[in-house]
Every structure is written in structure tokens, then in C-alpha cells.
Amino acid sequence: MDAIRYALLMTIMKKGYAKRMLKEGKKQGVVATMQLNGRGTVNPEMFEALLGLTYDPERDVIFSVVPRESLFNVKEVYTRIGQLRKKNTGIMVELKLHEIEGFEAFLNALEGN
């Protein structure tokens, strides 16, 4: 790949938001996704004793391949749906994809090459 045309968004959030997030992300231009079940590693007793909050370790993890031109809109939708601006709800990381092995044929088909 010559220029960076795609990014990978890795979003880790509380369970329950993934289905809607994937549906809305596709409308915004996400070309591929993978959803995994995750589990936080914080000791729940320590979390509850120190912060006085109930801790639920179950998480949804979503990997999304997003074209550069759709990135802003997808991030806004994911942030809104996953309530990522609220404390202790999740995190989203953006990685620029310089090269994708085994995925090039799929991307070329999307672009009509």
C-alpha cells in the first residue's frame, strides 16, 4: 500500500454496545470488523473497596478497519454509542495501517481494482 488509506480502530467497552456500534459503523463506512469478548483483569474486590463502585469485568472488544475519509465520523459514532466520554466506560485506540497482509485482495475488490 502506497499511502495510508486505512486505520484500525480498537475499541474496548462495557458489554451491550457492540451490536449497535457495528451496525452504525457500517453505515459510516467501516469495511471490516471483528468482535471479541473480553474480560478486565482488575481485582473486583480491590476496585470496589478503593472506589466504592461495582466492577463488571465483562467487555466487548471491536476491531474495525476504516477508510481514512470515514475515520472522523466512525470515531464520533463509536464514542457516542459506547459512551466513551464517560468515566470507566471504555477506550478507543486508532492505529494507522501501513500494510495489511492477507487483506489486500479484499480491499482491492472494494475499490474496484
Protein backbone atom coordinates (compact mmCIF):
# COMPACT_ATOMS: atom_id res chain seq x y z
CA MET A 1 0.00 0.00 0.00
CA ASP A 2 1.49 3.34 -1.05
CA ALA A 3 -0.22 5.83 1.22
CA ILE A 4 -2.04 5.22 4.47
CA ARG A 5 -5.60 4.69 3.30
CA TYR A 6 -6.99 2.79 6.27
CA ALA A 7 -6.86 2.81 10.04
CA LEU A 8 -7.66 0.15 12.60
CA LEU A 9 -9.86 1.24 15.48
CA MET A 10 -9.60 -0.97 18.55
CA THR A 11 -12.46 -0.25 20.92
CA ILE A 12 -12.80 -1.85 24.34
CA MET A 13 -16.02 -1.06 26.19
CA LYS A 14 -18.63 -2.34 28.57
CA LYS A 15 -20.77 -5.16 27.20
CA GLY A 16 -24.00 -4.30 25.48
CA TYR A 17 -22.99 -1.63 22.98
CA ALA A 18 -21.23 -3.69 20.31
CA LYS A 19 -24.18 -4.77 18.17
CA ARG A 20 -25.48 -1.23 17.70
CA MET A 21 -21.95 0.12 17.26
CA LEU A 22 -21.18 -2.36 14.47
CA LYS A 23 -24.46 -1.60 12.69
CA GLU A 24 -23.95 2.17 12.82
CA GLY A 25 -20.25 1.88 11.98
CA LYS A 26 -21.05 0.04 8.76
CA LYS A 27 -23.36 2.91 7.75
CA GLN A 28 -20.46 5.31 8.30
CA GLY A 29 -18.03 3.37 6.10
CA VAL A 30 -16.38 0.64 8.19
CA VAL A 31 -15.15 -2.01 5.73
CA ALA A 32 -14.38 -4.88 8.12
CA THR A 33 -14.94 -5.68 11.80
CA MET A 34 -14.18 -8.34 14.34
CA GLN A 35 -15.89 -8.57 17.72
CA LEU A 36 -14.36 -10.42 20.63
CA ASN A 37 -15.45 -10.98 24.20
CA GLY A 38 -13.03 -9.57 26.74
CA ARG A 39 -12.55 -9.58 30.47
CA GLY A 40 -10.87 -6.93 32.61
CA THR A 41 -8.08 -8.04 34.93
CA VAL A 42 -8.70 -5.71 37.87
CA ASN A 43 -9.40 -7.46 41.15
CA PRO A 44 -13.12 -6.62 41.68
CA GLU A 45 -12.83 -6.52 45.48
CA MET A 46 -9.98 -4.00 45.35
CA PHE A 47 -11.81 -1.89 42.76
CA GLU A 48 -14.97 -1.80 44.86
CA ALA A 49 -13.15 -1.16 48.15
CA LEU A 50 -10.99 1.68 46.81
CA LEU A 51 -13.52 3.40 44.58
CA GLY A 52 -16.81 2.27 46.02
CA LEU A 53 -18.01 1.26 42.57
CA THR A 54 -19.40 -2.03 41.33
CA TYR A 55 -16.97 -3.63 38.91
CA ASP A 56 -18.14 -5.73 35.98
CA PRO A 57 -15.12 -7.24 34.18
CA GLU A 58 -17.03 -8.30 31.04
CA ARG A 59 -16.06 -6.25 27.96
CA ASP A 60 -16.69 -6.13 24.24
CA VAL A 61 -13.63 -5.67 22.03
CA ILE A 62 -14.14 -4.45 18.46
CA PHE A 63 -11.52 -4.19 15.74
CA SER A 64 -12.68 -2.05 12.81
CA VAL A 65 -10.90 -1.34 9.52
CA VAL A 66 -11.91 2.16 8.47
CA PRO A 67 -11.03 4.17 5.34
CA ARG A 68 -9.22 7.39 6.19
CA GLU A 69 -12.04 9.55 4.79
CA SER A 70 -14.61 7.89 7.12
CA LEU A 71 -12.46 7.87 10.25
CA PHE A 72 -13.80 11.04 11.91
CA ASN A 73 -17.45 10.01 11.51
CA VAL A 74 -16.86 6.44 12.69
CA LYS A 75 -14.97 7.62 15.77
CA GLU A 76 -17.76 10.06 16.63
CA VAL A 77 -20.42 7.33 16.27
CA TYR A 78 -18.44 4.82 18.34
CA THR A 79 -17.75 7.42 21.03
CA ARG A 80 -21.42 8.39 21.23
CA ILE A 81 -22.86 4.86 21.23
CA GLY A 82 -20.22 3.42 23.57
CA GLN A 83 -20.50 6.46 25.84
CA LEU A 84 -16.70 6.67 25.78
CA ARG A 85 -16.60 10.22 27.17
CA LYS A 86 -18.00 8.94 30.48
CA LYS A 87 -15.57 7.65 33.11
CA ASN A 88 -14.83 3.92 33.21
CA THR A 89 -16.85 3.02 30.11
CA GLY A 90 -14.15 2.17 27.60
CA ILE A 91 -11.27 3.20 25.39
CA MET A 92 -10.68 3.55 21.65
CA VAL A 93 -7.25 3.40 20.01
CA GLU A 94 -6.54 4.36 16.40
CA LEU A 95 -3.69 2.66 14.52
CA LYS A 96 -2.65 3.70 11.02
CA LEU A 97 -2.43 0.67 8.74
CA HIS A 98 0.72 0.92 6.65
CA GLU A 99 0.43 -2.61 5.34
CA ILE A 100 -2.16 -5.37 5.55
CA GLU A 101 -1.13 -8.93 4.73
CA GLY A 102 -3.88 -11.26 3.54
CA PHE A 103 -6.39 -8.44 3.31
CA GLU A 104 -5.16 -6.71 0.15
CA ALA A 105 -7.42 -8.67 -2.22
CA PHE A 106 -10.47 -7.73 -0.16
CA LEU A 107 -9.53 -4.05 -0.19
CA ASN A 108 -8.80 -4.13 -3.92
CA ALA A 109 -12.24 -5.64 -4.56
CA LEU A 110 -13.86 -2.87 -2.51
CA GLU A 111 -12.04 -0.26 -4.57
CA GLY A 112 -12.83 -1.95 -7.90
CA ASN A 113 -9.19 -2.87 -8.73
